[in-house]
Amino acid sequence: MYGARDDSAVRIGVGLNAAALLVFAAVPPLLGMFARAAFPNLPDHDLALPTLLMETLPPLVGALGLAALFSAEVSSSDTILFMLSTSLSQDLYRRFICPSATDADILRVARWAAVCGGALGTGLAIVSESIAGALSFFYTLLTVSLFVPVIAELYLRRLASPEALASIVGGVTLAVVIQIASAGRGLVGLTPAMFGLGGAVVGWTVVSALRIRSEP
């Protein structure tokens, strides 16, 4: 009984969180529209938000807005590094590579993962034409790899490791192929993320159907 209540609470929480994020997702496009209306000849669209904050608001308020923007970027960076180091040390190294690893071994792997991840991130920032574009593609990969497995586990209860892996591989592969083939613009009006979600659904469906047929 308590398990069913907990599951229902998790579903409600995930739904409310998605609704709140959907409302918040309307804010950046609105700010972009304001910047386009106020500065139609802006040479670089990546400067839209900083220009909007500094040119249309009082200096103190604009400076606070830029500081908030910078703090949000730094917070996202350390969160990604923490997620990367934890996943590589716990989910990959301890689970598959060395199940008998001690806490000291796990800590050492996590530190090296954080250092290497930070170095790779710095290199990517140097060579990328746009940091916003790089972040956009990162979140695209995050979406296509996690959305279908999480939703399937919450609402369908037919998800196992093979389905999750097939969903992740199918979604990420198709998103990367479309991203490279279209230079990030997408095809036939669909973005790489949309193609990736479609690939994730197909991967999950095919493997799930094969497992059901193979069951006695």
C-alpha atoms as a PDB file:
ATOM      1  CA  MET A   1       0.000   0.000   0.000  1.00  0.00           C
ATOM      2  CA  TYR A   2       2.758   2.414   0.933  1.00  0.00           C
ATOM      3  CA  GLY A   3       4.675   1.511  -2.222  1.00  0.00           C
ATOM      4  CA  ALA A   4       1.709   2.484  -4.386  1.00  0.00           C
ATOM      5  CA  ARG A   5       1.348   5.761  -2.508  1.00  0.00           C
ATOM      6  CA  ASP A   6       5.038   6.509  -2.914  1.00  0.00           C
ATOM      7  CA  ASP A   7       4.859   5.764  -6.643  1.00  0.00           C
ATOM      8  CA  SER A   8       1.866   8.048  -7.028  1.00  0.00           C
ATOM      9  CA  ALA A   9       3.648  10.817  -5.127  1.00  0.00           C
ATOM     10  CA  VAL A  10       6.709  10.446  -7.365  1.00  0.00           C
ATOM     11  CA  ARG A  11       4.563  10.680 -10.516  1.00  0.00           C
ATOM     12  CA  ILE A  12       2.785  13.773  -9.202  1.00  0.00           C
ATOM     13  CA  GLY A  13       6.087  15.361  -8.231  1.00  0.00           C
ATOM     14  CA  VAL A  14       7.621  14.690 -11.631  1.00  0.00           C
ATOM     15  CA  GLY A  15       4.533  16.062 -13.367  1.00  0.00           C
ATOM     16  CA  LEU A  16       4.498  19.245 -11.299  1.00  0.00           C
ATOM     17  CA  ASN A  17       8.212  19.739 -11.846  1.00  0.00           C
ATOM     18  CA  ALA A  18       7.738  19.340 -15.600  1.00  0.00           C
ATOM     19  CA  ALA A  19       4.887  21.863 -15.560  1.00  0.00           C
ATOM     20  CA  ALA A  20       7.002  24.396 -13.642  1.00  0.00           C
ATOM     21  CA  LEU A  21       9.918  23.934 -16.036  1.00  0.00           C
ATOM     22  CA  LEU A  22       7.560  24.357 -18.990  1.00  0.00           C
ATOM     23  CA  VAL A  23       6.446  27.729 -17.629  1.00  0.00           C
ATOM     24  CA  PHE A  24      10.047  28.750 -16.975  1.00  0.00           C
ATOM     25  CA  ALA A  25      11.040  27.681 -20.504  1.00  0.00           C
ATOM     26  CA  ALA A  26       8.922  30.520 -21.889  1.00  0.00           C
ATOM     27  CA  VAL A  27      11.142  33.153 -20.218  1.00  0.00           C
ATOM     28  CA  PRO A  28      14.276  32.911 -22.455  1.00  0.00           C
ATOM     29  CA  PRO A  29      12.297  33.241 -25.725  1.00  0.00           C
ATOM     30  CA  LEU A  30      10.472  36.250 -24.310  1.00  0.00           C
ATOM     31  CA  LEU A  31      13.757  37.881 -23.341  1.00  0.00           C
ATOM     32  CA  GLY A  32      15.068  37.160 -26.826  1.00  0.00           C
ATOM     33  CA  MET A  33      11.999  38.811 -28.358  1.00  0.00           C
ATOM     34  CA  PHE A  34      12.492  41.864 -26.137  1.00  0.00           C
ATOM     35  CA  ALA A  35      16.145  42.091 -27.180  1.00  0.00           C
ATOM     36  CA  ARG A  36      15.221  41.738 -30.861  1.00  0.00           C
ATOM     37  CA  ALA A  37      12.686  44.544 -30.569  1.00  0.00           C
ATOM     38  CA  ALA A  38      15.006  46.843 -28.604  1.00  0.00           C
ATOM     39  CA  PHE A  39      18.222  46.088 -30.534  1.00  0.00           C
ATOM     40  CA  PRO A  40      17.320  44.888 -34.038  1.00  0.00           C
ATOM     41  CA  ASN A  41      20.845  45.434 -35.368  1.00  0.00           C
ATOM     42  CA  LEU A  42      22.698  43.532 -32.655  1.00  0.00           C
ATOM     43  CA  PRO A  43      25.766  42.003 -34.384  1.00  0.00           C
ATOM     44  CA  ASP A  44      25.983  38.884 -32.202  1.00  0.00           C
ATOM     45  CA  HIS A  45      22.830  37.168 -30.911  1.00  0.00           C
ATOM     46  CA  ASP A  46      24.816  35.670 -28.018  1.00  0.00           C
ATOM     47  CA  LEU A  47      25.063  39.203 -26.623  1.00  0.00           C
ATOM     48  CA  ALA A  48      21.280  39.652 -26.553  1.00  0.00           C
ATOM     49  CA  LEU A  49      20.771  38.975 -22.848  1.00  0.00           C
ATOM     50  CA  PRO A  50      23.829  40.908 -21.561  1.00  0.00           C
ATOM     51  CA  THR A  51      22.927  43.854 -23.789  1.00  0.00           C
ATOM     52  CA  LEU A  52      19.324  43.749 -22.627  1.00  0.00           C
ATOM     53  CA  LEU A  53      20.377  43.710 -18.983  1.00  0.00           C
ATOM     54  CA  MET A  54      22.923  46.516 -19.281  1.00  0.00           C
ATOM     55  CA  GLU A  55      21.123  48.834 -21.699  1.00  0.00           C
ATOM     56  CA  THR A  56      17.481  48.644 -20.598  1.00  0.00           C
ATOM     57  CA  LEU A  57      17.841  48.373 -16.826  1.00  0.00           C
ATOM     58  CA  PRO A  58      19.430  50.616 -14.209  1.00  0.00           C
ATOM     59  CA  PRO A  59      23.179  49.860 -13.906  1.00  0.00           C
ATOM     60  CA  LEU A  60      22.886  48.256 -10.464  1.00  0.00           C
ATOM     61  CA  VAL A  61      19.991  46.008 -11.493  1.00  0.00           C
ATOM     62  CA  GLY A  62      21.729  45.084 -14.741  1.00  0.00           C
ATOM     63  CA  ALA A  63      24.937  44.216 -12.908  1.00  0.00           C
ATOM     64  CA  LEU A  64      22.997  42.008 -10.488  1.00  0.00           C
ATOM     65  CA  GLY A  65      21.378  40.290 -13.461  1.00  0.00           C
ATOM     66  CA  LEU A  66      24.751  39.590 -15.071  1.00  0.00           C
ATOM     67  CA  ALA A  67      26.097  38.298 -11.751  1.00  0.00           C
ATOM     68  CA  ALA A  68      23.089  35.980 -11.453  1.00  0.00           C
ATOM     69  CA  LEU A  69      23.668  34.757 -15.005  1.00  0.00           C
ATOM     70  CA  PHE A  70      27.338  34.048 -14.294  1.00  0.00           C
ATOM     71  CA  SER A  71      26.552  32.275 -11.012  1.00  0.00           C
ATOM     72  CA  ALA A  72      23.993  30.096 -12.788  1.00  0.00           C
ATOM     73  CA  GLU A  73      26.585  29.085 -15.386  1.00  0.00           C
ATOM     74  CA  VAL A  74      29.168  28.264 -12.707  1.00  0.00           C
ATOM     75  CA  SER A  75      26.563  26.303 -10.754  1.00  0.00           C
ATOM     76  CA  SER A  76      25.678  24.297 -13.855  1.00  0.00           C
ATOM     77  CA  SER A  77      29.357  23.566 -14.493  1.00  0.00           C
ATOM     78  CA  ASP A  78      30.085  22.209 -11.030  1.00  0.00           C
ATOM     79  CA  THR A  79      26.859  20.191 -11.095  1.00  0.00           C
ATOM     80  CA  ILE A  80      27.893  18.565 -14.364  1.00  0.00           C
ATOM     81  CA  LEU A  81      31.367  17.796 -13.003  1.00  0.00           C
ATOM     82  CA  PHE A  82      29.862  16.277  -9.863  1.00  0.00           C
ATOM     83  CA  MET A  83      27.439  14.182 -11.920  1.00  0.00           C
ATOM     84  CA  LEU A  84      30.232  13.035 -14.237  1.00  0.00           C
ATOM     85  CA  SER A  85      32.646  12.081 -11.449  1.00  0.00           C
ATOM     86  CA  THR A  86      29.940  10.266  -9.473  1.00  0.00           C
ATOM     87  CA  SER A  87      28.636   8.348 -12.475  1.00  0.00           C
ATOM     88  CA  LEU A  88      32.088   7.254 -13.641  1.00  0.00           C
ATOM     89  CA  SER A  89      33.332   6.286 -10.192  1.00  0.00           C
ATOM     90  CA  GLN A  90      30.207   4.653  -8.777  1.00  0.00           C
ATOM     91  CA  ASP A  91      28.066   3.500 -11.704  1.00  0.00           C
ATOM     92  CA  LEU A  92      30.868   2.501 -14.074  1.00  0.00           C
ATOM     93  CA  TYR A  93      34.053   1.815 -12.106  1.00  0.00           C
ATOM     94  CA  ARG A  94      32.639   0.204  -8.957  1.00  0.00           C
ATOM     95  CA  ARG A  95      29.749  -1.575 -10.654  1.00  0.00           C
ATOM     96  CA  PHE A  96      31.440  -2.989 -13.749  1.00  0.00           C
ATOM     97  CA  ILE A  97      35.213  -2.512 -13.699  1.00  0.00           C
ATOM     98  CA  CYS A  98      36.229  -3.141 -10.095  1.00  0.00           C
ATOM     99  CA  PRO A  99      33.390  -4.252  -7.781  1.00  0.00           C
ATOM    100  CA  SER A 100      35.867  -4.787  -4.940  1.00  0.00           C
ATOM    101  CA  ALA A 101      37.164  -1.214  -5.054  1.00  0.00           C
ATOM    102  CA  THR A 102      37.617   0.520  -1.720  1.00  0.00           C
ATOM    103  CA  ASP A 103      36.296   3.951  -0.833  1.00  0.00           C
ATOM    104  CA  ALA A 104      39.779   5.361  -1.397  1.00  0.00           C
ATOM    105  CA  ASP A 105      39.839   3.886  -4.913  1.00  0.00           C
ATOM    106  CA  ILE A 106      36.413   5.363  -5.664  1.00  0.00           C
ATOM    107  CA  LEU A 107      37.512   8.767  -4.398  1.00  0.00           C
ATOM    108  CA  ARG A 108      40.657   8.665  -6.533  1.00  0.00           C
ATOM    109  CA  VAL A 109      38.665   7.758  -9.662  1.00  0.00           C
ATOM    110  CA  ALA A 110      36.136  10.494  -8.917  1.00  0.00           C
ATOM    111  CA  ARG A 111      38.896  13.092  -8.568  1.00  0.00           C
ATOM    112  CA  TRP A 112      40.538  12.062 -11.835  1.00  0.00           C
ATOM    113  CA  ALA A 113      37.152  12.096 -13.564  1.00  0.00           C
ATOM    114  CA  ALA A 114      36.507  15.633 -12.303  1.00  0.00           C
ATOM    115  CA  VAL A 115      39.952  16.831 -13.424  1.00  0.00           C
ATOM    116  CA  CYS A 116      39.649  15.244 -16.869  1.00  0.00           C
ATOM    117  CA  GLY A 117      36.092  16.482 -17.263  1.00  0.00           C
ATOM    118  CA  GLY A 118      37.121  20.019 -16.358  1.00  0.00           C
ATOM    119  CA  ALA A 119      40.026  19.915 -18.803  1.00  0.00           C
ATOM    120  CA  LEU A 120      37.822  18.599 -21.599  1.00  0.00           C
ATOM    121  CA  GLY A 121      35.198  21.232 -20.846  1.00  0.00           C
ATOM    122  CA  THR A 122      37.813  23.978 -20.981  1.00  0.00           C
ATOM    123  CA  GLY A 123      39.115  22.647 -24.300  1.00  0.00           C
ATOM    124  CA  LEU A 124      35.593  22.500 -25.691  1.00  0.00           C
ATOM    125  CA  ALA A 125      34.979  26.095 -24.619  1.00  0.00           C
ATOM    126  CA  ILE A 126      38.152  27.183 -26.424  1.00  0.00           C
ATOM    127  CA  VAL A 127      37.451  25.440 -29.722  1.00  0.00           C
ATOM    128  CA  SER A 128      33.657  25.944 -29.842  1.00  0.00           C
ATOM    129  CA  GLU A 129      32.301  28.824 -31.869  1.00  0.00           C
ATOM    130  CA  SER A 130      29.483  29.315 -29.386  1.00  0.00           C
ATOM    131  CA  ILE A 131      29.244  28.184 -25.770  1.00  0.00           C
ATOM    132  CA  ALA A 132      25.476  28.446 -26.016  1.00  0.00           C
ATOM    133  CA  GLY A 133      25.527  26.015 -28.936  1.00  0.00           C
ATOM    134  CA  ALA A 134      27.729  23.553 -27.051  1.00  0.00           C
ATOM    135  CA  LEU A 135      25.464  23.714 -23.997  1.00  0.00           C
ATOM    136  CA  SER A 136      22.404  23.301 -26.175  1.00  0.00           C
ATOM    137  CA  PHE A 137      23.798  20.113 -27.699  1.00  0.00           C
ATOM    138  CA  PHE A 138      24.810  18.804 -24.256  1.00  0.00           C
ATOM    139  CA  TYR A 139      21.284  19.247 -22.941  1.00  0.00           C
ATOM    140  CA  THR A 140      19.966  17.667 -26.130  1.00  0.00           C
ATOM    141  CA  LEU A 141      22.017  14.541 -25.394  1.00  0.00           C
ATOM    142  CA  LEU A 142      20.890  14.610 -21.770  1.00  0.00           C
ATOM    143  CA  THR A 143      17.251  14.824 -22.824  1.00  0.00           C
ATOM    144  CA  VAL A 144      17.294  12.087 -25.448  1.00  0.00           C
ATOM    145  CA  SER A 145      19.195   9.708 -23.163  1.00  0.00           C
ATOM    146  CA  LEU A 146      17.079  10.119 -20.003  1.00  0.00           C
ATOM    147  CA  PHE A 147      13.564  11.217 -20.977  1.00  0.00           C
ATOM    148  CA  VAL A 148      12.224   7.945 -22.378  1.00  0.00           C
ATOM    149  CA  PRO A 149      13.725   5.611 -19.712  1.00  0.00           C
ATOM    150  CA  VAL A 150      12.497   7.824 -16.853  1.00  0.00           C
ATOM    151  CA  ILE A 151       8.964   8.199 -18.237  1.00  0.00           C
ATOM    152  CA  ALA A 152       8.759   4.497 -19.128  1.00  0.00           C
ATOM    153  CA  GLU A 153       9.830   3.470 -15.639  1.00  0.00           C
ATOM    154  CA  LEU A 154       7.440   5.879 -13.928  1.00  0.00           C
ATOM    155  CA  TYR A 155       4.297   5.107 -15.927  1.00  0.00           C
ATOM    156  CA  LEU A 156       4.703   1.812 -17.798  1.00  0.00           C
ATOM    157  CA  ARG A 157       6.688  -0.307 -15.351  1.00  0.00           C
ATOM    158  CA  ARG A 158       8.070  -2.417 -18.185  1.00  0.00           C
ATOM    159  CA  LEU A 159      11.573  -1.047 -18.247  1.00  0.00           C
ATOM    160  CA  ALA A 160      14.641  -3.180 -17.643  1.00  0.00           C
ATOM    161  CA  SER A 161      18.332  -2.628 -18.381  1.00  0.00           C
ATOM    162  CA  PRO A 162      18.141  -3.832 -22.043  1.00  0.00           C
ATOM    163  CA  GLU A 163      15.304  -1.414 -22.845  1.00  0.00           C
ATOM    164  CA  ALA A 164      17.070   1.470 -21.074  1.00  0.00           C
ATOM    165  CA  LEU A 165      20.347   0.831 -22.889  1.00  0.00           C
ATOM    166  CA  ALA A 166      18.597   0.486 -26.258  1.00  0.00           C
ATOM    167  CA  SER A 167      16.727   3.718 -25.644  1.00  0.00           C
ATOM    168  CA  ILE A 168      19.904   5.599 -24.698  1.00  0.00           C
ATOM    169  CA  VAL A 169      21.944   4.231 -27.614  1.00  0.00           C
ATOM    170  CA  GLY A 170      19.188   4.809 -30.170  1.00  0.00           C
ATOM    171  CA  GLY A 171      18.401   8.322 -28.990  1.00  0.00           C
ATOM    172  CA  VAL A 172      21.970   9.560 -28.626  1.00  0.00           C
ATOM    173  CA  THR A 173      23.125   7.990 -31.909  1.00  0.00           C
ATOM    174  CA  LEU A 174      20.323   9.482 -33.969  1.00  0.00           C
ATOM    175  CA  ALA A 175      20.647  12.895 -32.314  1.00  0.00           C
ATOM    176  CA  VAL A 176      24.397  12.995 -33.006  1.00  0.00           C
ATOM    177  CA  VAL A 177      23.939  11.895 -36.628  1.00  0.00           C
ATOM    178  CA  ILE A 178      21.304  14.552 -37.301  1.00  0.00           C
ATOM    179  CA  GLN A 179      23.342  17.192 -35.472  1.00  0.00           C
ATOM    180  CA  ILE A 180      26.381  16.510 -37.646  1.00  0.00           C
ATOM    181  CA  ALA A 181      24.469  16.036 -40.899  1.00  0.00           C
ATOM    182  CA  SER A 182      22.456  19.233 -40.548  1.00  0.00           C
ATOM    183  CA  ALA A 183      25.023  21.362 -38.667  1.00  0.00           C
ATOM    184  CA  GLY A 184      22.569  21.580 -35.790  1.00  0.00           C
ATOM    185  CA  ARG A 185      19.682  22.956 -37.846  1.00  0.00           C
ATOM    186  CA  GLY A 186      17.663  19.743 -38.003  1.00  0.00           C
ATOM    187  CA  LEU A 187      15.800  18.229 -40.931  1.00  0.00           C
ATOM    188  CA  VAL A 188      12.246  18.600 -42.306  1.00  0.00           C
ATOM    189  CA  GLY A 189      11.376  21.033 -39.557  1.00  0.00           C
ATOM    190  CA  LEU A 190      12.474  18.715 -36.745  1.00  0.00           C
ATOM    191  CA  THR A 191      15.399  19.419 -34.423  1.00  0.00           C
ATOM    192  CA  PRO A 192      18.104  16.849 -33.545  1.00  0.00           C
ATOM    193  CA  ALA A 193      16.469  16.493 -30.120  1.00  0.00           C
ATOM    194  CA  MET A 194      13.162  15.489 -31.708  1.00  0.00           C
ATOM    195  CA  PHE A 195      14.898  12.911 -33.877  1.00  0.00           C
ATOM    196  CA  GLY A 196      16.769  11.652 -30.813  1.00  0.00           C
ATOM    197  CA  LEU A 197      13.563  11.241 -28.813  1.00  0.00           C
ATOM    198  CA  GLY A 198      12.074   9.327 -31.727  1.00  0.00           C
ATOM    199  CA  GLY A 199      15.127   7.065 -31.846  1.00  0.00           C
ATOM    200  CA  ALA A 200      14.888   6.493 -28.092  1.00  0.00           C
ATOM    201  CA  VAL A 201      11.239   5.497 -28.365  1.00  0.00           C
ATOM    202  CA  VAL A 202      11.998   3.136 -31.249  1.00  0.00           C
ATOM    203  CA  GLY A 203      14.913   1.547 -29.377  1.00  0.00           C
ATOM    204  CA  TRP A 204      12.825   1.007 -26.263  1.00  0.00           C
ATOM    205  CA  THR A 205       9.852  -0.350 -28.227  1.00  0.00           C
ATOM    206  CA  VAL A 206      11.870  -2.806 -30.314  1.00  0.00           C
ATOM    207  CA  VAL A 207      13.822  -4.275 -27.392  1.00  0.00           C
ATOM    208  CA  SER A 208      10.711  -4.413 -25.205  1.00  0.00           C
ATOM    209  CA  ALA A 209       8.803  -6.281 -27.925  1.00  0.00           C
ATOM    210  CA  LEU A 210      11.685  -8.723 -28.425  1.00  0.00           C
ATOM    211  CA  ARG A 211      11.910  -9.429 -24.697  1.00  0.00           C
ATOM    212  CA  ILE A 212       8.162 -10.009 -24.434  1.00  0.00           C
ATOM    213  CA  ARG A 213       8.273 -12.469 -27.343  1.00  0.00           C
ATOM    214  CA  SER A 214      11.217 -14.320 -25.820  1.00  0.00           C
ATOM    215  CA  GLU A 215       9.513 -14.768 -22.457  1.00  0.00           C
ATOM    216  CA  PRO A 216       7.935 -18.214 -21.917  1.00  0.00           C
END
